[in-house]
N, C-alpha and C. Protein backbone atom coordinates (compact mmCIF):
# COMPACT_ATOMS: atom_id res chain seq x y z
N MET A 1 1.64 -16.28 8.53
CA MET A 1 1.31 -15.74 7.51
C MET A 1 0.17 -16.82 6.80
N ARG A 2 -1.15 -16.28 6.12
CA ARG A 2 -2.03 -17.37 5.36
C ARG A 2 -1.48 -17.25 4.00
N LEU A 3 -2.16 -18.26 3.08
CA LEU A 3 -2.09 -17.92 1.85
C LEU A 3 -3.33 -17.63 1.67
N PRO A 4 -3.64 -17.03 0.12
CA PRO A 4 -4.60 -16.69 -0.06
C PRO A 4 -5.52 -17.31 -0.91
N TYR A 5 -5.14 -18.80 -0.83
CA TYR A 5 -6.22 -19.70 -0.94
C TYR A 5 -6.51 -20.35 -0.18
N GLU A 6 -7.68 -21.41 -0.67
CA GLU A 6 -8.31 -22.48 0.09
C GLU A 6 -7.54 -23.82 0.13
N GLU A 7 -7.71 -24.11 1.66
CA GLU A 7 -6.69 -25.43 1.87
C GLU A 7 -7.75 -26.52 1.18
N PRO A 8 -7.12 -27.55 0.57
CA PRO A 8 -5.48 -28.16 0.43
C PRO A 8 -5.14 -27.52 -1.06
N LEU A 9 -4.04 -26.87 -0.76
CA LEU A 9 -3.24 -26.95 -2.46
C LEU A 9 -2.65 -28.18 -2.39
N VAL A 10 -2.74 -28.10 -3.80
CA VAL A 10 -2.28 -29.53 -4.23
C VAL A 10 -1.16 -29.12 -5.30
N PRO A 11 0.14 -29.52 -5.18
CA PRO A 11 1.24 -29.23 -5.96
C PRO A 11 1.26 -29.87 -7.21
N ARG A 12 1.74 -29.42 -8.30
CA ARG A 12 1.24 -29.65 -9.06
C ARG A 12 3.18 -30.10 -10.20
N THR A 13 3.24 -31.02 -11.05
CA THR A 13 4.39 -31.48 -11.70
C THR A 13 4.81 -30.01 -12.05
N PRO A 14 6.30 -29.84 -12.24
CA PRO A 14 7.01 -28.75 -13.50
C PRO A 14 6.84 -29.44 -14.63
N GLU A 15 6.75 -28.49 -15.79
CA GLU A 15 6.87 -28.92 -17.18
C GLU A 15 8.51 -29.19 -17.07
N PRO A 16 8.66 -30.20 -17.92
CA PRO A 16 10.16 -30.21 -18.99
C PRO A 16 10.85 -29.09 -19.04
N PRO A 17 12.13 -28.61 -18.69
CA PRO A 17 12.75 -28.05 -19.02
C PRO A 17 12.57 -27.47 -20.65
N VAL A 18 12.81 -26.21 -21.02
CA VAL A 18 13.21 -26.07 -22.23
C VAL A 18 14.30 -25.06 -22.56
N VAL A 19 15.03 -26.01 -22.95
CA VAL A 19 16.74 -25.20 -23.40
C VAL A 19 16.52 -25.28 -24.93
N PRO A 20 17.09 -24.35 -25.58
CA PRO A 20 17.30 -23.02 -25.10
C PRO A 20 16.16 -22.33 -24.83
N GLU A 21 15.95 -21.55 -24.02
CA GLU A 21 14.39 -20.45 -24.06
C GLU A 21 14.46 -19.81 -24.51
N PRO A 22 13.02 -19.63 -25.07
CA PRO A 22 12.69 -18.93 -26.34
C PRO A 22 13.57 -17.15 -26.07
N PRO A 23 13.39 -16.57 -26.81
CA PRO A 23 13.83 -15.07 -26.68
C PRO A 23 12.75 -14.58 -25.98
N ARG A 24 12.78 -13.24 -25.24
CA ARG A 24 11.98 -12.45 -24.61
C ARG A 24 11.36 -11.22 -25.73
N ARG A 25 10.50 -10.80 -25.23
CA ARG A 25 9.65 -9.39 -26.13
C ARG A 25 11.38 -8.24 -25.86
N GLY A 26 11.35 -8.10 -27.65
CA GLY A 26 12.48 -7.15 -27.73
C GLY A 26 13.99 -7.74 -27.82
N GLU A 27 14.03 -9.26 -27.86
CA GLU A 27 15.15 -9.73 -28.30
C GLU A 27 15.32 -10.30 -29.55
N PRO A 28 16.61 -10.44 -29.88
CA PRO A 28 16.15 -11.17 -31.65
C PRO A 28 15.67 -12.78 -31.80
N GLY A 29 14.47 -12.72 -32.84
CA GLY A 29 13.55 -13.66 -32.68
C GLY A 29 12.41 -13.47 -31.61
N GLY A 30 12.43 -12.86 -30.58
CA GLY A 30 11.23 -12.35 -30.28
C GLY A 30 10.51 -11.68 -30.76
N GLU A 31 9.15 -11.59 -29.93
CA GLU A 31 8.11 -10.30 -30.22
C GLU A 31 8.92 -9.31 -29.84
N PRO A 32 8.12 -7.61 -30.75
CA PRO A 32 8.84 -6.64 -30.51
C PRO A 32 8.59 -6.20 -29.11
N CYS A 33 9.40 -5.06 -29.00
CA CYS A 33 9.38 -4.68 -27.57
C CYS A 33 8.65 -3.48 -27.10
N GLY A 34 7.80 -3.98 -26.00
CA GLY A 34 6.55 -3.24 -25.97
C GLY A 34 6.74 -1.95 -25.08
N ILE A 35 8.08 -1.62 -24.60
CA ILE A 35 8.23 -0.20 -24.31
C ILE A 35 8.87 0.44 -25.30
N CYS A 36 9.91 0.12 -26.25
CA CYS A 36 10.09 0.56 -27.26
C CYS A 36 9.21 1.23 -28.69
N GLY A 37 8.10 0.02 -28.27
CA GLY A 37 7.43 0.21 -29.31
C GLY A 37 5.97 0.62 -29.06
N GLY A 38 5.86 1.29 -27.70
CA GLY A 38 4.93 1.83 -27.11
C GLY A 38 3.46 1.55 -26.77
N ALA A 39 4.05 0.03 -26.37
CA ALA A 39 2.70 -0.96 -26.42
C ALA A 39 2.80 -0.85 -24.58
N ALA A 40 3.53 -0.22 -23.98
CA ALA A 40 3.62 -0.70 -22.79
C ALA A 40 2.77 0.93 -22.07
N THR A 41 2.39 0.86 -21.19
CA THR A 41 2.07 1.85 -20.33
C THR A 41 2.76 3.19 -20.57
N SER A 42 1.89 4.51 -20.91
CA SER A 42 3.20 5.79 -20.84
C SER A 42 3.72 6.10 -19.32
N ALA A 43 4.99 6.40 -19.34
CA ALA A 43 6.07 6.88 -18.11
C ALA A 43 5.47 7.74 -17.55
N VAL A 44 4.83 7.64 -16.10
CA VAL A 44 4.44 8.81 -15.38
C VAL A 44 5.67 9.62 -14.78
N TRP A 45 6.88 9.26 -15.16
CA TRP A 45 8.19 10.12 -14.75
C TRP A 45 9.30 9.37 -15.48
N SER A 46 10.52 10.12 -15.83
CA SER A 46 11.78 9.51 -16.29
C SER A 46 12.57 10.51 -16.14
N ASP A 47 13.69 9.91 -16.31
CA ASP A 47 15.15 10.14 -16.68
C ASP A 47 15.82 9.93 -17.94
N ASP A 48 17.32 10.16 -17.91
CA ASP A 48 18.18 9.75 -18.77
C ASP A 48 18.16 8.41 -18.71
N THR A 49 17.97 7.63 -17.58
CA THR A 49 18.21 6.16 -17.59
C THR A 49 16.97 5.28 -17.45
N TRP A 50 16.24 5.79 -16.67
CA TRP A 50 15.13 5.20 -16.27
C TRP A 50 13.37 5.88 -16.81
N THR A 51 12.60 4.90 -16.70
CA THR A 51 11.09 5.15 -16.82
C THR A 51 10.39 4.29 -15.86
N LEU A 52 9.47 5.02 -15.33
CA LEU A 52 8.97 4.63 -14.45
C LEU A 52 7.02 4.58 -15.02
N HIS A 53 6.33 3.50 -14.82
CA HIS A 53 5.05 3.05 -15.06
C HIS A 53 3.97 2.71 -14.61
N PRO A 54 2.79 3.03 -14.64
CA PRO A 54 1.63 2.29 -13.91
C PRO A 54 1.54 1.35 -13.97
N PRO A 55 1.14 0.07 -13.75
CA PRO A 55 0.58 -1.16 -14.27
C PRO A 55 -1.01 -1.32 -14.68
N ILE A 56 -1.23 -2.27 -15.42
CA ILE A 56 -2.57 -2.50 -15.99
C ILE A 56 -3.08 -3.62 -15.49
N GLY A 57 -4.19 -3.69 -14.52
CA GLY A 57 -5.00 -4.83 -14.23
C GLY A 57 -4.37 -5.14 -12.92
N GLY A 58 -4.41 -4.23 -11.84
CA GLY A 58 -3.54 -4.77 -10.44
C GLY A 58 -4.77 -4.21 -9.14
N SER A 59 -4.55 -4.63 -7.76
CA SER A 59 -5.13 -4.55 -7.28
C SER A 59 -4.72 -3.55 -6.08
N LEU A 60 -3.39 -3.02 -6.22
CA LEU A 60 -2.59 -2.15 -4.91
C LEU A 60 -2.11 -0.74 -5.83
N PRO A 61 -3.08 0.04 -5.78
CA PRO A 61 -2.72 1.09 -6.10
C PRO A 61 -1.36 2.07 -5.28
N GLY A 62 -0.72 2.33 -6.09
CA GLY A 62 0.71 2.69 -5.74
C GLY A 62 1.74 1.78 -6.59
N THR A 63 1.28 0.89 -6.93
CA THR A 63 2.04 0.34 -7.45
C THR A 63 2.60 0.24 -8.96
N VAL A 64 3.94 0.24 -8.99
CA VAL A 64 4.67 0.77 -10.37
C VAL A 64 6.02 -0.16 -10.36
N TRP A 65 6.12 0.28 -11.94
CA TRP A 65 7.52 -0.45 -12.25
C TRP A 65 8.50 0.49 -13.18
N LEU A 66 9.74 0.43 -12.68
CA LEU A 66 10.53 0.84 -12.83
C LEU A 66 11.58 0.19 -14.09
N ALA A 67 11.78 0.70 -15.28
CA ALA A 67 12.50 0.19 -16.37
C ALA A 67 13.74 1.00 -17.07
N SER A 68 14.94 0.54 -17.40
CA SER A 68 15.88 0.76 -17.75
C SER A 68 15.53 1.29 -18.98
N ARG A 69 15.93 2.45 -19.95
CA ARG A 69 15.79 3.07 -21.19
C ARG A 69 16.29 1.66 -22.22
N ALA A 70 17.47 1.55 -21.89
CA ALA A 70 18.40 0.21 -22.71
C ALA A 70 17.77 -0.88 -22.34
N HIS A 71 18.36 -1.93 -23.21
CA HIS A 71 17.94 -3.08 -23.33
C HIS A 71 19.13 -3.74 -22.62
N VAL A 72 18.77 -4.24 -21.33
CA VAL A 72 19.85 -5.21 -20.55
C VAL A 72 18.96 -5.92 -19.61
N ASP A 73 19.63 -6.80 -19.22
CA ASP A 73 19.01 -8.59 -18.88
C ASP A 73 18.96 -7.99 -17.26
N SER A 74 19.64 -7.81 -16.70
CA SER A 74 19.91 -7.91 -15.36
C SER A 74 20.87 -6.72 -14.80
N PHE A 75 21.20 -6.82 -13.24
CA PHE A 75 21.60 -5.72 -12.52
C PHE A 75 23.02 -6.30 -13.13
N ALA A 76 23.34 -7.46 -12.99
CA ALA A 76 24.73 -7.72 -13.74
C ALA A 76 25.26 -6.75 -14.89
N ASP A 77 24.07 -6.93 -16.04
CA ASP A 77 24.35 -6.04 -17.31
C ASP A 77 24.25 -4.17 -17.43
N LEU A 78 23.70 -4.07 -15.68
CA LEU A 78 23.75 -2.75 -16.28
C LEU A 78 25.08 -1.99 -16.01
N PRO A 79 24.97 -0.73 -16.86
CA PRO A 79 26.50 -0.54 -16.83
C PRO A 79 26.58 0.22 -15.47
N ASP A 80 27.72 0.01 -14.74
CA ASP A 80 28.10 0.67 -13.37
C ASP A 80 27.49 1.72 -12.83
N GLU A 81 27.06 3.14 -14.01
CA GLU A 81 26.70 4.25 -13.23
C GLU A 81 25.09 3.96 -13.14
N ALA A 82 24.65 3.21 -14.37
CA ALA A 82 23.21 2.87 -13.86
C ALA A 82 22.81 1.81 -13.03
N ALA A 83 23.48 1.31 -12.40
CA ALA A 83 23.59 0.11 -11.28
C ALA A 83 23.63 1.37 -10.08
N ALA A 84 24.48 2.09 -9.92
CA ALA A 84 24.60 2.74 -8.94
C ALA A 84 23.59 3.86 -8.79
N ASP A 85 23.35 4.23 -10.15
CA ASP A 85 22.19 5.27 -9.66
C ASP A 85 20.57 4.71 -9.32
N PHE A 86 20.40 3.10 -9.83
CA PHE A 86 19.39 2.23 -9.35
C PHE A 86 19.07 2.72 -8.04
N GLY A 87 19.65 2.56 -6.92
CA GLY A 87 19.82 2.58 -5.56
C GLY A 87 19.15 4.39 -5.31
N ARG A 88 19.63 5.21 -6.07
CA ARG A 88 19.08 6.56 -5.72
C ARG A 88 17.64 6.79 -6.22
N VAL A 89 17.41 5.89 -7.23
CA VAL A 89 16.22 6.31 -7.81
C VAL A 89 15.13 5.37 -7.31
N ALA A 90 15.52 3.95 -6.88
CA ALA A 90 14.55 3.17 -6.12
C ALA A 90 13.98 3.94 -4.55
N ALA A 91 15.23 4.35 -4.01
CA ALA A 91 14.67 5.39 -3.10
C ALA A 91 14.15 6.17 -3.02
N ARG A 92 13.92 6.79 -3.96
CA ARG A 92 13.15 7.91 -4.36
C ARG A 92 11.49 7.65 -4.60
N VAL A 93 11.05 6.03 -5.53
CA VAL A 93 10.32 5.46 -5.44
C VAL A 93 9.42 5.18 -4.38
N GLU A 94 10.37 4.51 -3.72
CA GLU A 94 9.96 4.26 -2.29
C GLU A 94 9.18 4.59 -1.41
N ARG A 95 10.19 6.16 -1.18
CA ARG A 95 9.72 7.48 -0.43
C ARG A 95 8.30 8.02 -0.69
N ALA A 96 7.92 8.25 -2.11
CA ALA A 96 7.16 8.66 -2.76
C ALA A 96 5.52 7.47 -2.75
N ILE A 97 5.86 6.33 -2.91
CA ILE A 97 4.91 5.59 -2.34
C ILE A 97 4.32 5.20 -0.84
N LEU A 98 5.85 5.49 -0.16
CA LEU A 98 5.18 5.51 1.34
C LEU A 98 4.11 6.85 1.93
N GLY A 99 4.55 7.94 0.90
CA GLY A 99 4.25 9.38 0.91
C GLY A 99 2.28 9.17 0.95
N LEU A 100 1.95 7.89 0.12
CA LEU A 100 0.57 7.90 -0.66
C LEU A 100 -0.54 8.02 0.67
N GLY A 101 0.52 7.31 2.09
CA GLY A 101 -0.43 6.68 3.23
C GLY A 101 -1.26 5.71 3.17
N GLY A 102 -1.06 4.39 4.16
CA GLY A 102 -2.00 3.47 4.09
C GLY A 102 -0.87 2.16 3.66
N VAL A 103 0.29 2.57 3.81
CA VAL A 103 1.08 1.68 2.90
C VAL A 103 2.07 1.19 4.19
N GLY A 104 2.20 0.16 4.46
CA GLY A 104 3.07 -0.82 5.33
C GLY A 104 4.36 -0.89 5.21
N ARG A 105 4.55 -1.46 3.84
CA ARG A 105 5.85 -1.68 3.58
C ARG A 105 5.90 -1.76 2.18
N VAL A 106 7.24 -1.38 1.27
CA VAL A 106 7.14 -1.18 -0.27
C VAL A 106 8.00 -2.51 -0.30
N HIS A 107 7.39 -3.49 -1.28
CA HIS A 107 8.43 -4.56 -1.68
C HIS A 107 8.76 -4.34 -3.45
N LEU A 108 10.00 -4.73 -3.55
CA LEU A 108 10.69 -4.73 -4.61
C LEU A 108 10.72 -5.77 -5.22
N TYR A 109 10.42 -6.52 -6.36
CA TYR A 109 10.32 -7.85 -7.06
C TYR A 109 11.03 -7.42 -8.51
N ARG A 110 11.96 -8.39 -8.80
CA ARG A 110 12.47 -8.19 -10.15
C ARG A 110 12.21 -9.57 -10.89
N TRP A 111 11.27 -9.56 -12.08
CA TRP A 111 11.27 -10.90 -12.62
C TRP A 111 11.81 -10.21 -14.05
N GLY A 112 12.35 -11.21 -14.56
CA GLY A 112 13.10 -10.28 -16.18
C GLY A 112 12.36 -11.23 -17.19
N ASP A 113 11.18 -12.38 -17.03
CA ASP A 113 11.08 -13.37 -18.18
C ASP A 113 10.37 -12.41 -19.60
N GLY A 114 9.95 -11.76 -19.20
CA GLY A 114 8.96 -11.34 -19.94
C GLY A 114 9.55 -10.14 -21.17
N GLY A 115 10.05 -8.97 -20.72
CA GLY A 115 10.75 -8.20 -21.63
C GLY A 115 12.25 -8.02 -21.68
N ALA A 116 13.34 -7.29 -22.49
CA ALA A 116 14.40 -6.98 -22.53
C ALA A 116 15.00 -5.80 -21.86
N HIS A 117 14.33 -4.90 -20.96
CA HIS A 117 14.59 -4.08 -20.41
C HIS A 117 14.65 -4.53 -18.97
N PHE A 118 15.55 -4.06 -18.38
CA PHE A 118 15.98 -4.21 -17.09
C PHE A 118 14.62 -3.76 -16.35
N HIS A 119 13.71 -4.38 -15.28
CA HIS A 119 12.55 -3.53 -14.84
C HIS A 119 12.03 -4.19 -13.38
N VAL A 120 12.14 -3.36 -12.50
CA VAL A 120 11.46 -3.62 -11.24
C VAL A 120 10.31 -3.36 -10.97
N TRP A 121 9.79 -4.14 -10.11
CA TRP A 121 8.19 -4.22 -9.61
C TRP A 121 8.58 -3.29 -8.34
N PHE A 122 7.53 -2.29 -7.50
CA PHE A 122 7.57 -1.32 -6.54
C PHE A 122 5.94 -2.05 -5.85
N LEU A 123 6.06 -2.80 -5.08
CA LEU A 123 4.10 -3.16 -4.67
C LEU A 123 4.34 -2.83 -3.52
N PRO A 124 2.98 -1.88 -2.84
CA PRO A 124 2.98 -1.44 -1.51
C PRO A 124 1.99 -2.61 -1.00
N ARG A 125 2.48 -2.82 0.56
CA ARG A 125 1.74 -3.77 0.95
C ARG A 125 1.17 -2.63 1.86
N PRO A 126 -0.32 -2.88 1.88
CA PRO A 126 -1.63 -2.15 2.47
C PRO A 126 -1.27 -2.39 4.21
N LEU A 127 -1.54 -1.03 5.00
CA LEU A 127 -1.05 -0.91 5.96
C LEU A 127 -1.93 -1.97 6.90
N GLY A 128 -1.19 -2.90 7.50
CA GLY A 128 -1.77 -3.95 8.83
C GLY A 128 -2.25 -5.38 7.90
N MET A 129 -1.90 -5.14 6.61
CA MET A 129 -2.52 -6.76 6.28
C MET A 129 -1.16 -7.32 6.14
N LEU A 130 -0.72 -8.09 7.37
CA LEU A 130 0.16 -8.67 7.31
C LEU A 130 0.02 -9.51 7.04
N ASP A 131 -1.11 -10.84 6.38
CA ASP A 131 -1.02 -12.07 5.52
C ASP A 131 -0.29 -11.78 4.32
N ALA A 132 -0.30 -10.36 4.11
CA ALA A 132 0.58 -10.14 2.69
C ALA A 132 1.98 -9.92 2.74
N ALA A 133 2.72 -10.09 4.01
CA ALA A 133 4.14 -10.00 4.63
C ALA A 133 4.69 -10.80 3.47
N GLY A 134 6.02 -9.99 3.27
CA GLY A 134 7.46 -10.89 2.44
C GLY A 134 6.94 -11.23 1.48
N MET A 135 7.01 -12.50 1.12
CA MET A 135 6.85 -13.16 -0.35
C MET A 135 5.42 -13.40 -0.64
N MET A 136 4.93 -13.13 0.39
CA MET A 136 3.27 -13.46 -0.03
C MET A 136 2.43 -12.34 -0.78
N LEU A 137 3.07 -11.03 -0.84
CA LEU A 137 2.49 -9.61 -1.17
C LEU A 137 2.02 -10.24 -2.89
N PRO A 138 3.05 -10.74 -3.59
CA PRO A 138 2.54 -10.96 -5.08
C PRO A 138 1.38 -12.09 -5.08
N LEU A 139 1.32 -12.92 -4.67
CA LEU A 139 0.13 -13.94 -3.82
C LEU A 139 -1.04 -13.22 -4.20
N TRP A 140 -1.20 -12.45 -2.63
CA TRP A 140 -2.62 -11.69 -2.62
C TRP A 140 -2.65 -10.72 -3.61
N GLU A 141 -1.67 -9.97 -4.22
CA GLU A 141 -1.89 -9.03 -5.14
C GLU A 141 -2.94 -9.56 -6.51
N ASP A 142 -2.59 -11.23 -6.61
CA ASP A 142 -3.10 -11.54 -7.72
C ASP A 142 -4.71 -12.06 -7.40
N VAL A 143 -4.99 -11.84 -6.18
CA VAL A 143 -6.21 -12.64 -5.84
C VAL A 143 -7.03 -11.55 -5.53
N LEU A 144 -6.44 -10.61 -4.87
CA LEU A 144 -7.38 -9.28 -4.64
C LEU A 144 -8.43 -8.76 -5.63
N PRO A 145 -9.60 -8.19 -5.53
CA PRO A 145 -10.28 -7.86 -6.80
C PRO A 145 -9.20 -6.65 -7.15
N ASN A 146 -9.05 -6.53 -8.34
CA ASN A 146 -8.41 -5.23 -9.40
C ASN A 146 -9.24 -4.19 -9.36
N VAL A 147 -8.52 -3.08 -8.94
CA VAL A 147 -9.49 -1.95 -9.00
C VAL A 147 -9.22 -1.15 -10.79
N ALA A 148 -9.83 -0.11 -10.71
CA ALA A 148 -9.85 0.56 -12.08
C ALA A 148 -8.32 1.21 -12.46
N ASP A 149 -8.25 0.81 -13.95
CA ASP A 149 -6.93 1.21 -14.80
C ASP A 149 -6.76 2.56 -14.24
N GLU A 150 -7.30 3.60 -13.92
CA GLU A 150 -7.35 4.56 -13.74
C GLU A 150 -7.08 5.25 -12.74
N GLU A 151 -7.64 4.25 -11.63
CA GLU A 151 -7.21 4.45 -10.20
C GLU A 151 -5.72 3.77 -10.11
N LEU A 152 -5.21 3.29 -10.72
CA LEU A 152 -3.45 2.72 -10.90
C LEU A 152 -2.50 3.36 -11.37
N ALA A 153 -3.46 4.29 -12.40
CA ALA A 153 -2.57 5.14 -13.41
C ALA A 153 -2.76 6.80 -12.13
N GLU A 154 -3.49 6.92 -11.42
CA GLU A 154 -3.73 8.16 -10.75
C GLU A 154 -3.04 7.94 -9.51
N ALA A 155 -2.40 6.92 -9.07
CA ALA A 155 -1.77 6.70 -7.91
C ALA A 155 -0.20 6.62 -8.39
N ALA A 156 0.09 6.13 -9.49
CA ALA A 156 1.27 6.53 -10.41
C ALA A 156 1.78 7.77 -10.23
N ARG A 157 0.85 8.53 -10.92
CA ARG A 157 1.25 9.92 -10.97
C ARG A 157 1.22 10.70 -9.77
N ARG A 158 0.59 10.27 -8.79
CA ARG A 158 0.93 11.15 -7.55
C ARG A 158 2.59 10.67 -6.84
N VAL A 159 2.74 9.19 -7.40
CA VAL A 159 4.38 8.95 -7.04
C VAL A 159 4.65 9.80 -7.56
N ALA A 160 5.11 9.60 -9.01
CA ALA A 160 5.67 10.56 -10.04
C ALA A 160 5.90 12.21 -9.31
N LYS A 161 4.74 12.46 -9.01
CA LYS A 161 4.79 13.90 -8.78
C LYS A 161 5.71 14.12 -7.26
N ALA A 162 5.88 13.02 -6.44
CA ALA A 162 6.25 13.20 -4.98
C ALA A 162 7.63 13.10 -5.16
N MET A 163 7.98 12.45 -6.73
CA MET A 163 9.30 12.32 -6.88
C MET A 163 10.16 13.50 -7.24
N GLY A 164 9.36 14.52 -7.51
CA GLY A 164 9.72 15.85 -8.15
C GLY A 164 10.17 15.58 -9.84
């Protein structure tokens, strides 16, 4: 695997820890919740537990993020029924992304530092782009040229339609 950066990379020293950590969007003392306040992209698919959204400013058409309707922090905080349902919904999302064509694999990433909704990103690795295999895909996604937001939204709508 090759990094999407030129050599040599220079490691930097981490900043000192911030404890307690600041509140995320949607938590008491934090900024308003983007999903609840309508500041996030509109859902292209939803059910009683989940909403599926296109990104803004990305380079991989077919990328979507799945969010819980409820404010929960992690897998551990999801009610048992929602946690069990996650697998069913995630499989539907993955199959739909693979159905777009030209996708080698679908990678799931969960970063929970931004907002109070449990959310998982689904990133399609372009077929044959082995430099982006595994943990390298988010790095490449950051440096590849962005496509138009409407192209990202249209691919997300196609994913939603394939989910039924």
